[in-house]
C-alpha atoms as a PDB file:
ATOM      1  CA  MET A   1     111.140  33.383  55.178  1.00  0.00           C
ATOM      2  CA  LEU A   2     111.981  30.275  53.181  1.00  0.00           C
ATOM      3  CA  GLY A   3     115.234  29.916  51.278  1.00  0.00           C
ATOM      4  CA  THR A   4     115.296  27.387  48.434  1.00  0.00           C
ATOM      5  CA  LEU A   5     117.511  26.643  45.458  1.00  0.00           C
ATOM      6  CA  ARG A   6     116.239  27.314  41.941  1.00  0.00           C
ATOM      7  CA  LEU A   7     116.736  24.813  39.144  1.00  0.00           C
ATOM      8  CA  GLY A   8     119.802  26.755  37.930  1.00  0.00           C
ATOM      9  CA  GLY A   9     121.330  26.790  41.430  1.00  0.00           C
ATOM     10  CA  TRP A  10     120.538  30.405  42.325  1.00  0.00           C
ATOM     11  CA  PRO A  11     118.924  30.974  45.738  1.00  0.00           C
ATOM     12  CA  ARG A  12     115.316  32.090  46.119  1.00  0.00           C
ATOM     13  CA  ILE A  13     113.795  33.618  49.244  1.00  0.00           C
ATOM     14  CA  SER A  14     110.033  33.565  49.749  1.00  0.00           C
ATOM     15  CA  PRO A  15     107.594  34.356  52.505  1.00  0.00           C
ATOM     16  CA  CYS A  16     105.941  31.346  54.115  1.00  0.00           C
ATOM     17  CA  GLU A  17     103.700  30.313  56.992  1.00  0.00           C
ATOM     18  CA  LEU A  18     104.640  27.395  59.218  1.00  0.00           C
ATOM     19  CA  ASP A  19     102.329  25.138  61.153  1.00  0.00           C
ATOM     20  CA  PHE A  20     103.118  22.512  63.742  1.00  0.00           C
ATOM     21  CA  VAL A  21     101.048  19.442  62.946  1.00  0.00           C
ATOM     22  CA  GLY A  22     101.492  16.791  65.597  1.00  0.00           C
ATOM     23  CA  GLU A  23     105.266  16.571  65.948  1.00  0.00           C
ATOM     24  CA  GLU A  24     106.008  17.874  62.453  1.00  0.00           C
ATOM     25  CA  LEU A  25     106.773  21.334  61.138  1.00  0.00           C
ATOM     26  CA  MET A  26     104.803  21.770  57.901  1.00  0.00           C
ATOM     27  CA  LEU A  27     104.663  24.261  55.048  1.00  0.00           C
ATOM     28  CA  GLY A  28     101.737  24.473  52.652  1.00  0.00           C
ATOM     29  CA  MET A  29     102.221  26.132  49.261  1.00  0.00           C
ATOM     30  CA  MET A  30     100.141  27.075  46.262  1.00  0.00           C
ATOM     31  CA  TRP A  31     100.060  24.421  43.567  1.00  0.00           C
ATOM     32  CA  GLN A  32     103.048  24.706  41.207  1.00  0.00           C
ATOM     33  CA  SER A  33     104.409  27.806  42.986  1.00  0.00           C
ATOM     34  CA  PRO A  34     108.101  28.503  42.257  1.00  0.00           C
ATOM     35  CA  LYS A  35     109.159  27.710  45.831  1.00  0.00           C
ATOM     36  CA  ALA A  36     107.280  24.375  45.761  1.00  0.00           C
ATOM     37  CA  LEU A  37     108.895  23.462  42.440  1.00  0.00           C
ATOM     38  CA  ASP A  38     112.296  24.377  43.930  1.00  0.00           C
ATOM     39  CA  LEU A  39     111.739  21.938  46.810  1.00  0.00           C
ATOM     40  CA  LEU A  40     110.560  19.185  44.487  1.00  0.00           C
ATOM     41  CA  HIS A  41     113.813  19.590  42.563  1.00  0.00           C
ATOM     42  CA  ASP A  42     116.172  20.048  45.556  1.00  0.00           C
ATOM     43  CA  ASP A  43     114.813  19.406  49.041  1.00  0.00           C
ATOM     44  CA  ARG A  44     117.420  21.507  50.890  1.00  0.00           C
ATOM     45  CA  CYS A  45     116.028  24.645  52.521  1.00  0.00           C
ATOM     46  CA  VAL A  46     116.500  27.216  55.252  1.00  0.00           C
ATOM     47  CA  LEU A  47     113.784  28.904  57.308  1.00  0.00           C
ATOM     48  CA  HIS A  48     114.561  32.320  58.780  1.00  0.00           C
ATOM     49  CA  SER A  49     112.601  34.419  61.242  1.00  0.00           C
ATOM     50  CA  CYS A  50     111.572  37.849  60.055  1.00  0.00           C
ATOM     51  CA  THR A  51     113.498  40.590  61.803  1.00  0.00           C
ATOM     52  CA  SER A  52     111.528  43.724  62.558  1.00  0.00           C
ATOM     53  CA  ASP A  53     113.712  45.327  65.242  1.00  0.00           C
ATOM     54  CA  ARG A  54     116.780  46.984  63.717  1.00  0.00           C
ATOM     55  CA  ASN A  55     118.665  46.609  67.014  1.00  0.00           C
ATOM     56  CA  GLY A  56     118.245  42.838  66.867  1.00  0.00           C
ATOM     57  CA  THR A  57     116.855  42.528  70.379  1.00  0.00           C
ATOM     58  CA  GLU A  58     114.238  39.981  69.287  1.00  0.00           C
ATOM     59  CA  GLY A  59     116.840  37.606  67.911  1.00  0.00           C
ATOM     60  CA  ASP A  60     117.516  35.933  64.621  1.00  0.00           C
ATOM     61  CA  PHE A  61     116.422  32.290  64.200  1.00  0.00           C
ATOM     62  CA  LYS A  62     117.337  29.858  61.415  1.00  0.00           C
ATOM     63  CA  LEU A  63     116.410  26.237  60.720  1.00  0.00           C
ATOM     64  CA  TYR A  64     118.295  24.246  58.098  1.00  0.00           C
ATOM     65  CA  GLY A  65     116.816  21.064  56.731  1.00  0.00           C
ATOM     66  CA  ARG A  66     115.193  19.093  53.989  1.00  0.00           C
ATOM     67  CA  ALA A  67     111.602  19.280  52.803  1.00  0.00           C
ATOM     68  CA  ARG A  68     109.699  15.997  52.504  1.00  0.00           C
ATOM     69  CA  GLU A  69     106.548  16.072  50.412  1.00  0.00           C
ATOM     70  CA  VAL A  70     103.443  15.024  52.342  1.00  0.00           C
ATOM     71  CA  ASP A  71     100.982  13.290  50.071  1.00  0.00           C
ATOM     72  CA  ASP A  72      99.113  10.936  52.437  1.00  0.00           C
ATOM     73  CA  ALA A  73      95.495  11.847  53.168  1.00  0.00           C
ATOM     74  CA  SER A  74      95.846  11.730  56.961  1.00  0.00           C
ATOM     75  CA  GLY A  75      98.819  14.131  56.964  1.00  0.00           C
ATOM     76  CA  ARG A  76      97.062  16.532  54.631  1.00  0.00           C
ATOM     77  CA  ASP A  77      93.844  16.393  56.687  1.00  0.00           C
ATOM     78  CA  ALA A  78      95.797  17.083  59.892  1.00  0.00           C
ATOM     79  CA  TYR A  79      97.465  20.075  58.197  1.00  0.00           C
ATOM     80  CA  ARG A  80      94.086  21.457  57.063  1.00  0.00           C
ATOM     81  CA  ALA A  81      92.772  21.115  60.636  1.00  0.00           C
ATOM     82  CA  ALA A  82      95.830  22.926  62.068  1.00  0.00           C
ATOM     83  CA  VAL A  83      95.414  25.826  59.649  1.00  0.00           C
ATOM     84  CA  ARG A  84      91.671  25.994  60.322  1.00  0.00           C
ATOM     85  CA  ALA A  85      92.324  26.134  64.090  1.00  0.00           C
ATOM     86  CA  ARG A  86      94.901  28.903  63.651  1.00  0.00           C
ATOM     87  CA  ILE A  87      93.145  31.236  61.176  1.00  0.00           C
ATOM     88  CA  ASP A  88      89.619  29.846  60.610  1.00  0.00           C
ATOM     89  CA  TRP A  89      90.408  28.977  56.984  1.00  0.00           C
ATOM     90  CA  GLU A  90      91.713  25.885  55.245  1.00  0.00           C
ATOM     91  CA  PRO A  91      93.275  25.183  51.873  1.00  0.00           C
ATOM     92  CA  THR A  92      91.038  23.685  49.216  1.00  0.00           C
ATOM     93  CA  GLY A  93      91.823  22.192  45.850  1.00  0.00           C
ATOM     94  CA  SER A  94      95.382  21.284  44.895  1.00  0.00           C
ATOM     95  CA  PHE A  95      98.273  22.482  47.035  1.00  0.00           C
ATOM     96  CA  HIS A  96     101.764  21.327  47.909  1.00  0.00           C
ATOM     97  CA  LEU A  97     102.554  20.268  51.470  1.00  0.00           C
ATOM     98  CA  PHE A  98     106.005  19.651  52.910  1.00  0.00           C
ATOM     99  CA  ALA A  99     107.247  18.490  56.313  1.00  0.00           C
ATOM    100  CA  ILE A 100     110.640  19.912  57.285  1.00  0.00           C
ATOM    101  CA  GLU A 101     113.232  17.420  58.496  1.00  0.00           C
ATOM    102  CA  ILE A 102     115.449  19.685  60.628  1.00  0.00           C
ATOM    103  CA  GLU A 103     119.200  19.096  60.305  1.00  0.00           C
ATOM    104  CA  SER A 104     120.474  22.084  62.296  1.00  0.00           C
ATOM    105  CA  ALA A 105     119.257  25.282  63.930  1.00  0.00           C
ATOM    106  CA  GLY A 106     120.692  28.533  65.176  1.00  0.00           C
ATOM    107  CA  PHE A 107     119.605  31.549  67.192  1.00  0.00           C
ATOM    108  CA  LEU A 108     121.523  34.765  67.709  1.00  0.00           C
ATOM    109  CA  ILE A 109     120.455  37.821  69.681  1.00  0.00           C
ATOM    110  CA  PHE A 110     122.145  41.164  69.169  1.00  0.00           C
ATOM    111  CA  GLY A 111     120.591  43.095  72.059  1.00  0.00           C
ATOM    112  CA  GLY A 112     122.277  44.056  75.336  1.00  0.00           C
ATOM    113  CA  GLU A 113     123.272  40.473  76.111  1.00  0.00           C
ATOM    114  CA  ARG A 114     124.710  39.194  72.833  1.00  0.00           C
ATOM    115  CA  PHE A 115     124.557  35.413  72.689  1.00  0.00           C
ATOM    116  CA  GLY A 116     123.858  32.564  70.358  1.00  0.00           C
ATOM    117  CA  LEU A 117     122.517  29.040  70.414  1.00  0.00           C
ATOM    118  CA  ALA A 118     123.162  26.316  67.881  1.00  0.00           C
ATOM    119  CA  TRP A 119     121.902  22.756  67.562  1.00  0.00           C
ATOM    120  CA  ASP A 120     122.690  19.815  65.359  1.00  0.00           C
ATOM    121  CA  PRO A 121     122.294  16.087  66.025  1.00  0.00           C
ATOM    122  CA  ASP A 122     126.041  15.394  66.222  1.00  0.00           C
ATOM    123  CA  ARG A 123     127.040  18.130  68.689  1.00  0.00           C
ATOM    124  CA  GLY A 124     123.734  18.800  70.430  1.00  0.00           C
ATOM    125  CA  THR A 125     122.945  22.278  71.771  1.00  0.00           C
ATOM    126  CA  ARG A 126     125.683  24.837  72.236  1.00  0.00           C
ATOM    127  CA  ARG A 127     125.500  28.340  73.704  1.00  0.00           C
ATOM    128  CA  TRP A 128     128.030  31.153  73.492  1.00  0.00           C
ATOM    129  CA  LYS A 129     128.279  34.800  74.436  1.00  0.00           C
ATOM    130  CA  GLN A 130     129.602  37.330  71.979  1.00  0.00           C
ATOM    131  CA  ARG A 131     132.399  39.479  73.330  1.00  0.00           C
ATOM    132  CA  GLU A 132     132.034  43.240  73.281  1.00  0.00           C
ATOM    133  CA  GLU A 133     134.582  44.942  71.003  1.00  0.00           C
END
């Protein structure tokens, strides 16, 4: 899921598909979609893993960062190739493409061993265990 900020400041959450293209994490979006327009207005965003296990044993992952529009032909061609390799389809016509510049990340697992990981460039990677209550 992708969290963005609307023009009026209210949050928006939208489904998205990520692709690793070279060393970049990229998001393609339909032309003029609300989430793309949000990122063009305010580049701050959060990416959140979808949780399907109500006990939280699979973990909860978040990336916080800024979206940078990718408009160069080589970046867009590399993205098309990555999508084609993953699902045997590629975007055609106009579409928005963003690379995510990661500023921090977090992971928390709620299963039997409750623990978390966090990363940011200033403090590096940290791990902690959650105490049982």
